């Protein structure tokens, strides 16, 4: 059902309609966004009159440079309308047609933005979990994922090894640190990617922080300029409101909110063990580990999405399988560093998950009900 990209769009639009309906009935307090991607637009009143096409960049670009370099390291930063836009701009700018984009990850598969960018650049693509594997001689760009979509975090020693190996071959390194720029540094005590020698690093300003959905790239000034130039050609750069909100979010970033998630996670896991796997800032549930949902004929992605839709429609709990962009991981993950997690009692979350799984066991034998549940 979800292998069709059009159905992925229908699934997401159905979830957004459910959110709208719950908002109409319960207001914002009836929604609990546990995606870790809730983001925000933390503008000050004084910012509002400056969000103009040319005045905005003149004011907020300077603020972003200071806050961005403090957060990411590097010589310069640049803002993009999404992390995927930043990755596409870098791949288009730094690769030659026919060359290879070589991608290291702590766990496969990659976020689709990397292989799709390589395809658009007419470059070959290879991804691996083996951090000792040497890139081929025709490699034009090495990409390293700092933290996967399911929050598997790279070891700092592996990251350093790949950076040194690529530099010995004269190849630039881009670290896709979408959530890793905070997970790696705050929870795992690792250094910033640029401090480890990465030529470029990019993060999502809505992941584990209260910023807008956008991409912030940092790194060597000469490479940032080249990537920005490519972004301008295709309209991939961030616009003034996004830049302003990014700068404010970086200024307001509070690492203690991520640390608080550890306490919530420990409390949840004390009384809820079956089928649950820990993540750095919460937990995830794999359908294959849930009794009664196996052997149904549906894929794990479809079962995760069905549970996610029930959590949303019945309890107002937002998770990625329901609302994520097409191609995003369908792992049923609950991020307890999300701001809304502080409003949701652990016992209420436990009860909601049990309720959704129980309701799904009654729906899953009926193909038409499953289709309506997922696609509307």
Protein backbone atom coordinates (compact mmCIF):
# COMPACT_ATOMS: atom_id res chain seq x y z
CA UNK A 1 0.00 0.00 0.00
CA UNK A 2 2.80 2.44 0.89
CA UNK A 3 5.16 1.45 -1.91
CA UNK A 4 3.17 3.77 -4.19
CA UNK A 5 4.52 7.36 -3.77
CA UNK A 6 1.01 8.72 -4.40
CA UNK A 7 -0.30 6.71 -1.46
CA UNK A 8 2.47 8.17 0.67
CA UNK A 9 1.09 11.62 -0.13
CA UNK A 10 -2.46 10.47 0.63
CA UNK A 11 -1.31 9.00 3.94
CA UNK A 12 0.31 12.25 5.03
CA UNK A 13 -2.63 14.41 3.92
CA UNK A 14 -5.02 12.09 5.79
CA UNK A 15 -2.94 12.52 8.96
CA UNK A 16 -2.92 16.30 8.59
CA UNK A 17 -6.72 16.29 8.23
CA UNK A 18 -6.98 14.33 11.47
CA UNK A 19 -4.78 16.90 13.22
CA UNK A 20 -6.99 19.72 11.89
CA UNK A 21 -10.12 17.96 13.13
CA UNK A 22 -8.65 17.39 16.58
CA UNK A 23 -7.52 21.00 16.74
CA UNK A 24 -11.05 22.12 15.92
CA UNK A 25 -12.45 19.99 18.73
CA UNK A 26 -9.75 20.15 21.42
CA UNK A 27 -7.41 23.01 20.48
CA UNK A 28 -3.63 22.73 20.55
CA UNK A 29 -3.73 21.09 23.99
CA UNK A 30 -5.31 18.03 22.37
CA UNK A 31 -2.22 17.37 20.25
CA UNK A 32 0.97 15.71 21.55
CA UNK A 33 3.72 15.89 18.95
CA UNK A 34 6.30 13.22 19.84
CA UNK A 35 8.07 13.20 16.47
CA UNK A 36 11.04 15.23 17.68
CA UNK A 37 10.38 17.38 14.60
CA UNK A 38 7.75 19.72 15.96
CA UNK A 39 9.97 22.74 15.45
CA UNK A 40 8.61 26.22 15.81
CA UNK A 41 8.96 29.80 14.62
CA UNK A 42 10.40 31.64 17.64
CA UNK A 43 10.33 35.18 16.26
CA UNK A 44 10.42 38.27 18.46
CA UNK A 45 7.98 41.14 17.94
CA UNK A 46 10.86 43.34 16.81
CA UNK A 47 11.62 40.86 14.01
CA UNK A 48 8.26 41.10 12.29
CA UNK A 49 8.82 44.39 10.43
CA UNK A 50 12.18 43.17 9.12
CA UNK A 51 11.02 40.05 7.27
CA UNK A 52 11.43 41.65 3.87
CA UNK A 53 13.09 40.24 0.79
CA UNK A 54 16.26 42.32 1.07
CA UNK A 55 16.17 43.91 4.51
CA UNK A 56 15.67 40.52 6.18
CA UNK A 57 18.86 38.87 4.90
CA UNK A 58 20.88 41.99 5.66
CA UNK A 59 19.85 41.81 9.32
CA UNK A 60 19.40 38.12 10.07
CA UNK A 61 22.23 36.63 8.00
CA UNK A 62 24.69 38.29 10.38
CA UNK A 63 22.87 36.94 13.43
CA UNK A 64 22.75 33.49 11.86
CA UNK A 65 26.48 33.49 11.18
CA UNK A 66 27.30 34.02 14.85
CA UNK A 67 24.73 31.63 16.31
CA UNK A 68 25.27 29.04 13.58
CA UNK A 69 29.05 28.88 13.96
CA UNK A 70 28.69 28.55 17.72
CA UNK A 71 26.29 25.62 17.28
CA UNK A 72 28.00 23.88 14.35
CA UNK A 73 31.58 25.11 14.22
CA UNK A 74 33.19 25.84 10.87
CA UNK A 75 34.21 29.08 9.18
CA UNK A 76 30.83 30.01 7.70
CA UNK A 77 27.19 28.86 7.70
CA UNK A 78 24.42 28.96 5.12
CA UNK A 79 20.66 28.49 5.45
CA UNK A 80 18.48 26.33 3.19
CA UNK A 81 14.75 25.72 3.06
CA UNK A 82 15.26 22.08 4.10
CA UNK A 83 18.15 19.82 5.03
CA UNK A 84 17.39 17.86 1.87
CA UNK A 85 17.84 21.11 -0.09
CA UNK A 86 21.25 21.63 1.49
CA UNK A 87 22.31 18.09 0.65
CA UNK A 88 21.09 18.44 -2.92
CA UNK A 89 22.94 21.74 -3.31
CA UNK A 90 26.17 20.22 -1.99
CA UNK A 91 25.96 17.15 -4.20
CA UNK A 92 25.19 19.22 -7.31
CA UNK A 93 28.01 21.63 -6.50
CA UNK A 94 30.75 19.18 -5.55
CA UNK A 95 30.27 16.11 -7.74
CA UNK A 96 31.03 15.44 -11.36
CA UNK A 97 28.70 13.40 -13.60
CA UNK A 98 29.84 9.78 -13.60
CA UNK A 99 31.75 10.07 -10.33
CA UNK A 100 30.70 8.35 -7.08
CA UNK A 101 29.02 9.66 -3.94
CA UNK A 102 30.20 7.32 -1.18
CA UNK A 103 28.01 7.24 1.93
CA UNK A 104 28.85 5.81 5.36
CA UNK A 105 26.04 5.17 7.87
CA UNK A 106 25.86 3.55 11.31
CA UNK A 107 22.80 1.68 10.05
CA UNK A 108 21.27 1.25 6.59
CA UNK A 109 19.32 2.55 4.75
CA UNK A 110 20.11 6.16 4.00
CA UNK A 111 17.69 9.02 4.12
CA UNK A 112 16.41 9.16 0.51
CA UNK A 113 17.73 12.71 0.01
CA UNK A 114 21.30 11.48 -0.46
CA UNK A 115 20.82 8.83 -3.18
CA UNK A 116 18.21 10.98 -4.93
CA UNK A 117 20.63 13.91 -4.99
CA UNK A 118 23.33 11.69 -6.48
CA UNK A 119 20.88 10.55 -9.14
CA UNK A 120 20.00 14.15 -10.04
CA UNK A 121 23.71 14.95 -10.30
CA UNK A 122 24.21 11.95 -12.64
CA UNK A 123 26.62 10.50 -10.09
CA UNK A 124 26.95 6.92 -8.91
CA UNK A 125 25.96 6.12 -5.34
CA UNK A 126 27.12 3.57 -2.79
CA UNK A 127 26.22 3.25 0.88
CA UNK A 128 27.84 1.08 3.53
CA UNK A 129 27.87 0.36 7.26
CA UNK A 130 31.53 -0.70 7.03
CA UNK A 131 33.57 2.30 8.14
CA UNK A 132 36.80 0.56 7.09
CA UNK A 133 35.71 0.26 3.44
CA UNK A 134 37.75 2.45 1.11
CA UNK A 135 35.91 4.67 -1.37
CA UNK A 136 36.69 3.96 -5.04
CA UNK A 137 39.13 6.14 -6.93
CA UNK A 138 36.35 8.01 -8.77
CA UNK A 139 34.72 9.25 -5.52
CA UNK A 140 34.00 12.99 -5.64
CA UNK A 141 32.16 13.34 -2.31
CA UNK A 142 32.05 11.31 0.90
CA UNK A 143 28.89 11.63 3.00
CA UNK A 144 28.69 10.43 6.60
CA UNK A 145 25.44 10.18 8.54
CA UNK A 146 25.94 11.30 12.13
CA UNK A 147 22.60 9.96 13.35
CA UNK A 148 20.18 7.87 11.30
CA UNK A 149 16.45 8.45 10.90
CA UNK A 150 15.99 5.97 13.77
CA UNK A 151 18.66 7.72 15.89
CA UNK A 152 21.51 5.23 15.53
CA UNK A 153 24.56 7.39 16.24
CA UNK A 154 27.97 7.02 14.60
CA UNK A 155 31.00 6.38 16.79
CA UNK A 156 33.28 9.41 16.89
CA UNK A 157 36.30 7.21 16.11
CA UNK A 158 34.58 5.93 12.95
CA UNK A 159 33.70 9.46 11.91
CA UNK A 160 37.30 10.62 12.37
CA UNK A 161 38.64 7.59 10.47
CA UNK A 162 36.45 8.28 7.45
CA UNK A 163 37.29 11.99 7.41
CA UNK A 164 41.03 11.24 7.49
CA UNK A 165 40.67 8.49 4.86
CA UNK A 166 38.74 10.81 2.51
CA UNK A 167 41.17 13.70 2.99
CA UNK A 168 44.12 11.41 2.26
CA UNK A 169 42.41 10.75 -1.08
CA UNK A 170 41.71 14.46 -1.64
CA UNK A 171 37.91 14.03 -1.32
CA UNK A 172 35.70 16.46 0.65
CA UNK A 173 33.46 15.14 3.45
CA UNK A 174 29.86 16.18 4.15
CA UNK A 175 28.40 15.08 7.50
CA UNK A 176 24.62 14.72 7.43
CA UNK A 177 24.09 15.67 11.08
CA UNK A 178 20.35 16.36 10.84
CA UNK A 179 19.68 15.39 14.46
CA UNK A 180 23.24 14.31 15.17
CA UNK A 181 24.47 17.86 15.69
CA UNK A 182 22.62 17.66 19.01
CA UNK A 183 22.38 13.93 19.71
CA UNK A 184 26.09 13.29 19.19
CA UNK A 185 27.25 16.33 21.12
CA UNK A 186 24.72 16.62 23.95
CA UNK A 187 24.03 12.95 24.78
CA UNK A 188 27.19 11.24 23.53
CA UNK A 189 29.73 13.94 24.34
CA UNK A 190 31.17 13.97 20.82
CA UNK A 191 32.79 16.96 19.16
CA UNK A 192 31.13 19.00 16.44
CA UNK A 193 31.63 17.55 12.97
CA UNK A 194 33.57 20.57 11.73
CA UNK A 195 35.87 20.34 14.76
CA UNK A 196 36.62 16.75 13.74
CA UNK A 197 37.74 17.91 10.30
CA UNK A 198 34.56 17.60 8.22
CA UNK A 199 34.58 20.01 5.29
CA UNK A 200 30.81 20.52 5.53
CA UNK A 201 28.14 19.55 8.05
CA UNK A 202 24.40 20.10 7.85
CA UNK A 203 21.69 19.94 10.51
CA UNK A 204 17.91 20.29 10.63
CA UNK A 205 16.85 23.25 12.75
CA UNK A 206 13.60 21.53 13.79
CA UNK A 207 15.12 18.29 15.09
CA UNK A 208 15.54 18.21 18.87
CA UNK A 209 15.29 21.99 18.97
CA UNK A 210 12.48 24.53 18.64
CA UNK A 211 13.36 25.98 15.27
CA UNK A 212 11.69 25.98 11.86
CA UNK A 213 11.97 23.17 9.36
CA UNK A 214 15.13 24.20 7.56
CA UNK A 215 18.71 23.18 6.88
CA UNK A 216 21.78 24.85 8.35
CA UNK A 217 25.10 24.04 6.72
CA UNK A 218 28.48 24.91 8.22
CA UNK A 219 32.03 24.33 7.08
CA UNK A 220 34.92 25.65 5.04
CA UNK A 221 34.11 29.11 3.70
CA UNK A 222 35.16 28.41 0.09
CA UNK A 223 32.96 25.32 -0.09
CA UNK A 224 29.99 27.02 1.58
CA UNK A 225 30.18 29.75 -1.06
CA UNK A 226 30.17 27.19 -3.87
CA UNK A 227 27.20 25.32 -2.38
CA UNK A 228 25.28 28.59 -1.80
CA UNK A 229 25.84 29.54 -5.42
CA UNK A 230 24.26 26.28 -6.56
CA UNK A 231 21.35 26.74 -4.14
CA UNK A 232 20.61 30.20 -5.56
CA UNK A 233 20.41 28.72 -9.06
CA UNK A 234 17.55 26.40 -8.05
CA UNK A 235 15.79 28.42 -5.34
CA UNK A 236 16.91 26.10 -2.53
CA UNK A 237 18.10 28.84 -0.17
CA UNK A 238 16.15 29.85 2.93
CA UNK A 239 14.02 32.99 2.80
CA UNK A 240 14.16 35.83 5.42
CA UNK A 241 11.45 34.53 7.81
CA UNK A 242 13.16 31.15 7.94
CA UNK A 243 16.59 32.68 8.50
CA UNK A 244 15.26 34.88 11.30
CA UNK A 245 13.56 31.94 13.04
CA UNK A 246 16.69 29.80 12.67
CA UNK A 247 18.82 32.48 14.31
CA UNK A 248 16.39 32.89 17.20
CA UNK A 249 16.08 29.11 17.70
CA UNK A 250 19.85 28.72 17.85
CA UNK A 251 20.13 31.57 20.32
CA UNK A 252 17.46 29.92 22.51
CA UNK A 253 18.70 26.32 22.22
CA UNK A 254 18.70 24.61 25.62
CA UNK A 255 20.54 21.25 25.86
CA UNK A 256 18.88 20.45 29.20
CA UNK A 257 15.61 19.68 27.36
CA UNK A 258 17.34 16.75 25.65
CA UNK A 259 18.76 15.56 28.97
CA UNK A 260 15.27 15.67 30.53
CA UNK A 261 14.17 13.08 27.96
CA UNK A 262 16.39 10.50 29.65
CA UNK A 263 14.38 10.74 32.86
CA UNK A 264 11.08 10.34 31.00
CA UNK A 265 12.47 7.37 29.07
CA UNK A 266 13.59 5.59 32.24
CA UNK A 267 10.15 6.10 33.79
CA UNK A 268 8.39 4.76 30.71
CA UNK A 269 10.59 1.69 30.33
CA UNK A 270 10.22 0.66 33.97
CA UNK A 271 6.67 -0.54 33.33
CA UNK A 272 6.54 -1.09 29.57
CA UNK A 273 9.00 -3.60 28.21
CA UNK A 274 7.47 -5.91 25.56
CA UNK A 275 8.52 -4.94 22.03
CA UNK A 276 10.17 -1.68 23.08
CA UNK A 277 13.67 -0.63 22.03
CA UNK A 278 15.45 2.34 23.54
CA UNK A 279 16.58 5.28 21.42
CA UNK A 280 18.83 8.06 22.70
CA UNK A 281 15.89 10.36 23.54
CA UNK A 282 12.98 7.93 23.81
CA UNK A 283 11.95 4.55 22.47
CA UNK A 284 10.60 2.78 19.41
CA UNK A 285 8.32 -0.18 18.79
CA UNK A 286 8.84 -2.64 15.95
CA UNK A 287 5.61 -4.34 14.79
CA UNK A 288 7.42 -7.68 14.45
CA UNK A 289 7.82 -7.72 18.22
CA UNK A 290 4.14 -7.07 18.98
CA UNK A 291 2.15 -10.22 19.66
CA UNK A 292 -0.93 -10.66 17.50
CA UNK A 293 0.18 -8.43 14.60
CA UNK A 294 2.49 -10.88 12.87
CA UNK A 295 1.42 -12.99 9.90
CA UNK A 296 -1.22 -10.50 8.85
CA UNK A 297 0.07 -10.08 5.31
CA UNK A 298 0.83 -6.41 5.88
CA UNK A 299 4.35 -5.02 5.86
CA UNK A 300 5.99 -3.65 9.00
CA UNK A 301 5.72 -0.16 7.52
CA UNK A 302 1.97 -0.55 7.04
CA UNK A 303 1.44 -1.87 10.56
CA UNK A 304 3.52 0.93 12.07
CA UNK A 305 1.56 3.47 10.08
CA UNK A 306 -1.76 1.95 11.15
CA UNK A 307 -0.76 2.14 14.84
CA UNK A 308 0.43 5.69 14.28
CA UNK A 309 -2.91 6.68 12.73
CA UNK A 310 -4.82 5.23 15.68
CA UNK A 311 -2.57 7.03 18.16
CA UNK A 312 -3.28 10.25 16.28
CA UNK A 313 -7.02 9.91 15.76
CA UNK A 314 -7.85 8.41 19.17
CA UNK A 315 -5.31 10.10 21.42
CA UNK A 316 -3.84 13.07 19.53
CA UNK A 317 -0.32 11.59 19.64
CA UNK A 318 1.69 12.53 16.55
CA UNK A 319 4.42 10.16 15.33
CA UNK A 320 6.45 10.02 12.12
CA UNK A 321 4.75 7.07 10.32
CA UNK A 322 1.55 9.13 10.11
CA UNK A 323 2.86 12.59 9.27
CA UNK A 324 6.38 12.05 7.89
CA UNK A 325 7.37 13.04 4.38
CA UNK A 326 7.28 10.33 1.69
CA UNK A 327 10.37 8.17 2.07
CA UNK A 328 10.86 8.89 5.77
CA UNK A 329 11.39 5.98 8.14
CA UNK A 330 8.17 4.26 9.25
CA UNK A 331 9.67 3.12 12.54
CA UNK A 332 7.17 3.87 15.30
CA UNK A 333 9.41 6.17 17.35
CA UNK A 334 8.47 8.31 20.34
CA UNK A 335 10.77 11.23 21.08
CA UNK A 336 10.55 12.20 24.73
CA UNK A 337 12.69 15.29 24.22
CA UNK A 338 9.75 16.82 22.36
CA UNK A 339 8.19 19.79 24.11
CA UNK A 340 4.75 18.12 24.19
CA UNK A 341 6.19 15.11 26.03
CA UNK A 342 6.28 17.23 29.16
CA UNK A 343 2.47 17.60 29.02
CA UNK A 344 1.77 13.90 28.60
CA UNK A 345 1.79 11.62 31.63
CA UNK A 346 3.86 8.48 31.14
CA UNK A 347 0.91 6.34 32.23
CA UNK A 348 -1.30 8.04 29.62
CA UNK A 349 1.22 7.33 26.87
CA UNK A 350 1.49 3.69 27.94
CA UNK A 351 -2.31 3.33 27.93
CA UNK A 352 -2.61 5.00 24.51
CA UNK A 353 -0.10 2.59 22.94
CA UNK A 354 -1.84 -0.44 24.42
CA UNK A 355 -5.20 0.89 23.20
CA UNK A 356 -3.96 1.51 19.64
CA UNK A 357 -2.44 -1.97 19.37
CA UNK A 358 -5.60 -3.59 20.74
CA UNK A 359 -7.83 -1.63 18.32
CA UNK A 360 -5.60 -2.52 15.38
CA UNK A 361 -5.87 -6.24 16.15
CA UNK A 362 -9.60 -5.90 15.48
CA UNK A 363 -9.16 -3.89 12.28
CA UNK A 364 -6.30 -5.75 10.64
CA UNK A 365 -8.36 -8.69 9.29
CA UNK A 366 -10.41 -6.25 7.17
CA UNK A 367 -8.45 -4.95 4.15
CA UNK A 368 -10.88 -2.12 3.42
CA UNK A 369 -10.80 -0.86 7.01
CA UNK A 370 -7.00 -0.95 6.96
CA UNK A 371 -6.91 1.03 3.74
CA UNK A 372 -9.30 3.67 5.14
CA UNK A 373 -7.33 3.84 8.39
CA UNK A 374 -4.07 4.56 6.60
CA UNK A 375 -5.17 6.52 3.53
CA UNK A 376 -8.52 7.98 4.59
